[in-house]
C-alpha atoms as a PDB file:
ATOM      1  CA  MET A   1      25.007 -10.782  11.389  1.00  0.00           C
ATOM      2  CA  ALA A   2      25.424  -7.765  13.588  1.00  0.00           C
ATOM      3  CA  PHE A   3      27.842  -4.840  13.015  1.00  0.00           C
ATOM      4  CA  THR A   4      29.090  -2.341  15.877  1.00  0.00           C
ATOM      5  CA  LEU A   5      28.629   1.296  14.868  1.00  0.00           C
ATOM      6  CA  GLU A   6      32.169   1.520  14.383  1.00  0.00           C
ATOM      7  CA  GLU A   7      32.005  -1.081  11.826  1.00  0.00           C
ATOM      8  CA  VAL A   8      29.577   0.018   9.606  1.00  0.00           C
ATOM      9  CA  SER A   9      30.230   3.542   7.531  1.00  0.00           C
ATOM     10  CA  GLU A  10      27.182   5.666   6.885  1.00  0.00           C
ATOM     11  CA  ARG A  11      27.338   4.474   3.316  1.00  0.00           C
ATOM     12  CA  GLY A  12      27.303   0.959   4.435  1.00  0.00           C
ATOM     13  CA  MET A  13      24.336   1.555   6.833  1.00  0.00           C
ATOM     14  CA  LYS A  14      22.289   3.121   4.008  1.00  0.00           C
ATOM     15  CA  MET A  15      23.077   0.003   1.629  1.00  0.00           C
ATOM     16  CA  ALA A  16      22.233  -2.345   4.489  1.00  0.00           C
ATOM     17  CA  SER A  17      18.903  -0.509   5.086  1.00  0.00           C
ATOM     18  CA  PHE A  18      18.220  -0.441   1.631  1.00  0.00           C
ATOM     19  CA  GLU A  19      18.580  -4.317   1.295  1.00  0.00           C
ATOM     20  CA  ILE A  20      16.712  -4.883   4.521  1.00  0.00           C
ATOM     21  CA  PHE A  21      13.726  -3.036   3.087  1.00  0.00           C
ATOM     22  CA  GLY A  22      13.767  -4.849  -0.201  1.00  0.00           C
ATOM     23  CA  LEU A  23      13.917  -8.109   1.489  1.00  0.00           C
ATOM     24  CA  GLN A  24      10.932  -7.442   3.862  1.00  0.00           C
ATOM     25  CA  PHE A  25       8.870  -5.942   1.061  1.00  0.00           C
ATOM     26  CA  LEU A  26       9.243  -8.756  -1.128  1.00  0.00           C
ATOM     27  CA  LEU A  27       8.633 -11.370   1.645  1.00  0.00           C
ATOM     28  CA  SER A  28       5.470  -9.588   2.660  1.00  0.00           C
ATOM     29  CA  VAL A  29       4.316  -9.320  -0.829  1.00  0.00           C
ATOM     30  CA  ILE A  30       5.083 -13.278  -1.058  1.00  0.00           C
ATOM     31  CA  GLY A  31       3.135 -13.834   2.286  1.00  0.00           C
ATOM     32  CA  TYR A  32       0.301 -11.703   1.442  1.00  0.00           C
ATOM     33  CA  GLY A  33       0.104 -13.355  -2.112  1.00  0.00           C
ATOM     34  CA  LEU A  34       0.020 -16.638  -0.811  1.00  0.00           C
ATOM     35  CA  ILE A  35      -2.798 -15.851   1.803  1.00  0.00           C
ATOM     36  CA  ALA A  36      -4.902 -14.116  -1.000  1.00  0.00           C
ATOM     37  CA  ARG A  37      -4.454 -16.961  -3.474  1.00  0.00           C
ATOM     38  CA  TRP A  38      -5.025 -19.989  -0.921  1.00  0.00           C
ATOM     39  CA  TYR A  39      -7.493 -18.300   1.475  1.00  0.00           C
ATOM     40  CA  VAL A  40      -9.119 -15.086   0.197  1.00  0.00           C
ATOM     41  CA  ALA A  41      -9.718 -15.788  -3.398  1.00  0.00           C
ATOM     42  CA  PRO A  42     -11.591 -18.905  -3.253  1.00  0.00           C
ATOM     43  CA  ARG A  43     -13.877 -17.462  -0.915  1.00  0.00           C
ATOM     44  CA  LEU A  44     -14.595 -14.253  -2.788  1.00  0.00           C
ATOM     45  CA  ALA A  45     -15.151 -16.400  -5.953  1.00  0.00           C
ATOM     46  CA  ALA A  46     -18.459 -17.749  -4.534  1.00  0.00           C
ATOM     47  CA  LEU A  47     -19.743 -14.182  -3.930  1.00  0.00           C
ATOM     48  CA  PRO A  48     -21.409 -11.820  -6.432  1.00  0.00           C
ATOM     49  CA  LEU A  49     -19.346  -9.160  -7.913  1.00  0.00           C
ATOM     50  CA  HIS A  50     -20.128  -5.989  -5.575  1.00  0.00           C
ATOM     51  CA  ALA A  51     -19.908  -8.456  -2.491  1.00  0.00           C
ATOM     52  CA  ALA A  52     -16.811  -9.904  -3.405  1.00  0.00           C
ATOM     53  CA  LEU A  53     -14.872  -6.189  -3.996  1.00  0.00           C
ATOM     54  CA  VAL A  54     -16.161  -4.959  -0.693  1.00  0.00           C
ATOM     55  CA  PRO A  55     -13.616  -6.867   1.449  1.00  0.00           C
ATOM     56  CA  LEU A  56     -10.765  -6.158  -1.165  1.00  0.00           C
ATOM     57  CA  LEU A  57     -11.532  -2.471  -0.581  1.00  0.00           C
ATOM     58  CA  PHE A  58     -11.695  -2.409   3.299  1.00  0.00           C
ATOM     59  CA  PRO A  59      -7.679  -2.368   3.963  1.00  0.00           C
ATOM     60  CA  HIS A  60      -7.619   0.789   1.694  1.00  0.00           C
ATOM     61  CA  ALA A  61     -10.117   2.474   3.697  1.00  0.00           C
ATOM     62  CA  PHE A  62      -7.370   2.813   6.418  1.00  0.00           C
ATOM     63  CA  ARG A  63      -4.794   4.531   4.023  1.00  0.00           C
ATOM     64  CA  HIS A  64      -5.288   7.766   5.826  1.00  0.00           C
ATOM     65  CA  LEU A  65      -2.486   6.054   8.214  1.00  0.00           C
ATOM     66  CA  GLY A  66      -0.179   7.250   5.346  1.00  0.00           C
ATOM     67  CA  LEU A  67      -0.531  10.583   6.897  1.00  0.00           C
ATOM     68  CA  VAL A  68       2.115   9.549   9.390  1.00  0.00           C
ATOM     69  CA  PHE A  69       4.772  10.385   6.881  1.00  0.00           C
ATOM     70  CA  LEU A  70       3.872  14.259   8.054  1.00  0.00           C
ATOM     71  CA  VAL A  71       4.233  13.480  11.594  1.00  0.00           C
ATOM     72  CA  PRO A  72       7.736  14.818  12.952  1.00  0.00           C
ATOM     73  CA  ALA A  73       7.660  12.592  16.041  1.00  0.00           C
ATOM     74  CA  VAL A  74       7.344   9.443  13.705  1.00  0.00           C
ATOM     75  CA  VAL A  75       9.606  10.171  10.762  1.00  0.00           C
ATOM     76  CA  ALA A  76      12.927  11.607  10.688  1.00  0.00           C
ATOM     77  CA  PRO A  77      13.033  15.573   9.928  1.00  0.00           C
ATOM     78  CA  THR A  78      15.176  14.742   7.323  1.00  0.00           C
ATOM     79  CA  LEU A  79      12.384  12.589   5.390  1.00  0.00           C
ATOM     80  CA  PRO A  80      11.974  14.487   2.107  1.00  0.00           C
ATOM     81  CA  PRO A  81       8.834  16.631   1.690  1.00  0.00           C
ATOM     82  CA  ALA A  82       8.683  15.745  -2.194  1.00  0.00           C
ATOM     83  CA  PHE A  83       8.218  12.001  -0.942  1.00  0.00           C
ATOM     84  CA  ALA A  84       6.147  12.772   2.333  1.00  0.00           C
ATOM     85  CA  LEU A  85       3.496  15.106   1.060  1.00  0.00           C
ATOM     86  CA  PRO A  86       2.393  13.028  -2.148  1.00  0.00           C
ATOM     87  CA  ALA A  87       2.802   9.807  -0.166  1.00  0.00           C
ATOM     88  CA  ALA A  88       0.345  11.155   2.768  1.00  0.00           C
ATOM     89  CA  TYR A  89      -2.266  12.931   0.625  1.00  0.00           C
ATOM     90  CA  GLY A  90      -2.096  10.257  -2.046  1.00  0.00           C
ATOM     91  CA  ASP A  91      -2.928   7.847   0.467  1.00  0.00           C
ATOM     92  CA  LEU A  92      -5.581  10.141   2.135  1.00  0.00           C
ATOM     93  CA  LEU A  93      -7.407  10.447  -1.410  1.00  0.00           C
ATOM     94  CA  ALA A  94      -7.152   6.796  -1.901  1.00  0.00           C
ATOM     95  CA  GLY A  95      -8.695   6.053   1.400  1.00  0.00           C
ATOM     96  CA  VAL A  96     -11.526   8.363   0.737  1.00  0.00           C
ATOM     97  CA  LEU A  97     -12.167   6.761  -2.629  1.00  0.00           C
ATOM     98  CA  ALA A  98     -12.082   3.337  -1.060  1.00  0.00           C
ATOM     99  CA  LEU A  99     -14.568   4.434   1.423  1.00  0.00           C
ATOM    100  CA  ALA A 100     -16.922   5.759  -1.263  1.00  0.00           C
ATOM    101  CA  ALA A 101     -16.715   2.765  -3.219  1.00  0.00           C
ATOM    102  CA  ILE A 102     -17.579   0.392  -0.428  1.00  0.00           C
ATOM    103  CA  VAL A 103     -20.644   2.526   0.385  1.00  0.00           C
ATOM    104  CA  ALA A 104     -21.594   2.410  -3.206  1.00  0.00           C
ATOM    105  CA  LEU A 105     -21.036  -0.959  -3.676  1.00  0.00           C
ATOM    106  CA  ARG A 106     -22.901  -2.064  -0.478  1.00  0.00           C
ATOM    107  CA  ASN A 107     -25.922   0.058  -1.725  1.00  0.00           C
ATOM    108  CA  ARG A 108     -25.571  -1.117  -5.161  1.00  0.00           C
ATOM    109  CA  TRP A 109     -25.631   2.356  -6.765  1.00  0.00           C
ATOM    110  CA  PRO A 110     -25.164   2.505 -10.402  1.00  0.00           C
ATOM    111  CA  LEU A 111     -21.715   4.220 -10.085  1.00  0.00           C
ATOM    112  CA  ALA A 112     -20.258   1.627  -7.745  1.00  0.00           C
ATOM    113  CA  ILE A 113     -18.353  -0.391 -10.235  1.00  0.00           C
ATOM    114  CA  PRO A 114     -16.895   2.806 -12.011  1.00  0.00           C
ATOM    115  CA  LEU A 115     -15.950   4.358  -8.659  1.00  0.00           C
ATOM    116  CA  THR A 116     -14.121   1.056  -7.614  1.00  0.00           C
ATOM    117  CA  TRP A 117     -12.402   1.273 -11.035  1.00  0.00           C
ATOM    118  CA  LEU A 118     -11.479   5.131 -10.247  1.00  0.00           C
ATOM    119  CA  PHE A 119     -10.336   4.042  -6.827  1.00  0.00           C
ATOM    120  CA  ASN A 120      -8.195   1.170  -7.903  1.00  0.00           C
ATOM    121  CA  LEU A 121      -6.372   3.515 -10.426  1.00  0.00           C
ATOM    122  CA  VAL A 122      -5.863   6.075  -8.396  1.00  0.00           C
ATOM    123  CA  GLY A 123      -4.692   4.013  -5.512  1.00  0.00           C
ATOM    124  CA  THR A 124      -2.373   1.992  -7.594  1.00  0.00           C
ATOM    125  CA  LEU A 125      -0.635   4.944  -9.132  1.00  0.00           C
ATOM    126  CA  ASP A 126      -0.416   6.473  -5.762  1.00  0.00           C
ATOM    127  CA  LEU A 127       1.434   3.626  -4.485  1.00  0.00           C
ATOM    128  CA  LEU A 128       3.473   3.062  -7.391  1.00  0.00           C
ATOM    129  CA  TYR A 129       4.447   7.056  -7.461  1.00  0.00           C
ATOM    130  CA  ALA A 130       5.422   6.755  -3.716  1.00  0.00           C
ATOM    131  CA  PHE A 131       7.407   3.655  -4.486  1.00  0.00           C
ATOM    132  CA  TYR A 132       9.250   5.415  -7.265  1.00  0.00           C
ATOM    133  CA  GLN A 133      10.034   8.539  -5.180  1.00  0.00           C
ATOM    134  CA  GLY A 134      11.067   6.613  -1.892  1.00  0.00           C
ATOM    135  CA  ILE A 135      13.570   4.569  -3.977  1.00  0.00           C
ATOM    136  CA  SER A 136      14.864   7.267  -5.993  1.00  0.00           C
ATOM    137  CA  ARG A 137      15.043   9.652  -2.620  1.00  0.00           C
ATOM    138  CA  GLY A 138      16.502   6.957  -0.469  1.00  0.00           C
ATOM    139  CA  VAL A 139      13.845   7.579   2.030  1.00  0.00           C
ATOM    140  CA  GLY A 140      14.248   4.175   4.019  1.00  0.00           C
ATOM    141  CA  PRO A 141      16.562   5.312   6.720  1.00  0.00           C
ATOM    142  CA  HIS A 142      14.321   8.770   7.102  1.00  0.00           C
ATOM    143  CA  LEU A 143      11.295   6.756   7.838  1.00  0.00           C
ATOM    144  CA  GLY A 144      11.580   6.189  11.291  1.00  0.00           C
ATOM    145  CA  SER A 145       8.814   4.230  13.009  1.00  0.00           C
ATOM    146  CA  ALA A 146       7.115   4.458  10.032  1.00  0.00           C
ATOM    147  CA  TRP A 147       9.172   1.824   8.282  1.00  0.00           C
ATOM    148  CA  TYR A 148       6.358  -0.691   8.781  1.00  0.00           C
ATOM    149  CA  VAL A 149       4.105   1.256   6.532  1.00  0.00           C
ATOM    150  CA  PRO A 150       5.842   0.514   3.256  1.00  0.00           C
ATOM    151  CA  THR A 151       7.390  -2.991   4.531  1.00  0.00           C
ATOM    152  CA  PHE A 152       4.447  -4.338   6.003  1.00  0.00           C
ATOM    153  CA  LEU A 153       1.141  -2.575   4.815  1.00  0.00           C
ATOM    154  CA  VAL A 154       1.838  -1.392   1.313  1.00  0.00           C
ATOM    155  CA  PRO A 155       2.611  -4.996   0.199  1.00  0.00           C
ATOM    156  CA  ALA A 156      -1.172  -6.033   1.211  1.00  0.00           C
ATOM    157  CA  LEU A 157      -2.417  -3.175  -0.493  1.00  0.00           C
ATOM    158  CA  TYR A 158      -0.421  -4.031  -3.741  1.00  0.00           C
ATOM    159  CA  VAL A 159      -1.787  -7.576  -3.527  1.00  0.00           C
ATOM    160  CA  THR A 160      -5.465  -6.301  -2.993  1.00  0.00           C
ATOM    161  CA  HIS A 161      -5.112  -3.722  -5.892  1.00  0.00           C
ATOM    162  CA  PHE A 162      -4.241  -6.608  -7.821  1.00  0.00           C
ATOM    163  CA  MET A 163      -6.998  -8.670  -6.843  1.00  0.00           C
ATOM    164  CA  ILE A 164      -9.226  -5.927  -7.450  1.00  0.00           C
ATOM    165  CA  PHE A 165      -8.052  -5.552 -11.045  1.00  0.00           C
ATOM    166  CA  VAL A 166      -8.663  -9.425 -11.643  1.00  0.00           C
ATOM    167  CA  THR A 167     -11.960  -9.218 -10.196  1.00  0.00           C
ATOM    168  CA  LEU A 168     -13.111  -6.190 -12.056  1.00  0.00           C
ATOM    169  CA  ILE A 169     -11.896  -7.663 -15.538  1.00  0.00           C
ATOM    170  CA  ARG A 170     -12.798 -11.196 -15.072  1.00  0.00           C
ATOM    171  CA  ARG A 171     -16.307 -10.568 -13.786  1.00  0.00           C
ATOM    172  CA  SER A 172     -17.477  -7.154 -14.909  1.00  0.00           C
ATOM    173  CA  ARG A 173     -18.072  -8.578 -18.354  1.00  0.00           C
END
């Protein structure tokens, strides 16, 4: 359904943006969840724990892309810093921890599994905090072209975080 600018009030546009955002996020989670269940999980189940965790960590190694929330040419200047700063630097921290966990797992270092737990807890809490801040501060209309980060990339991160938790809990025993 298309609207002209005259037909949509500012409040109506924000509501439409929020609903579109929610629908895109939900459908991305469902899509990634199906890929994970039907294609990824069965293949990882056959691998040893260290080898199974590495592919799940790789998407998080690119979380430095969250720094885009600090780039004025990408996001609106009205994007609240209270959202942008913790989201950007939290993603950067999670990405560095993911890279460290990948190296540790590949080299079978004794701290590989604890480091993976640390990454997964920090990374999950970062996403949950950013999600909460984004909704409570209504950041959707201020995301600009960074809109695709939370609607397309973040759902994949949630799914892989979940898969890492499940893998660690089931196979670390």
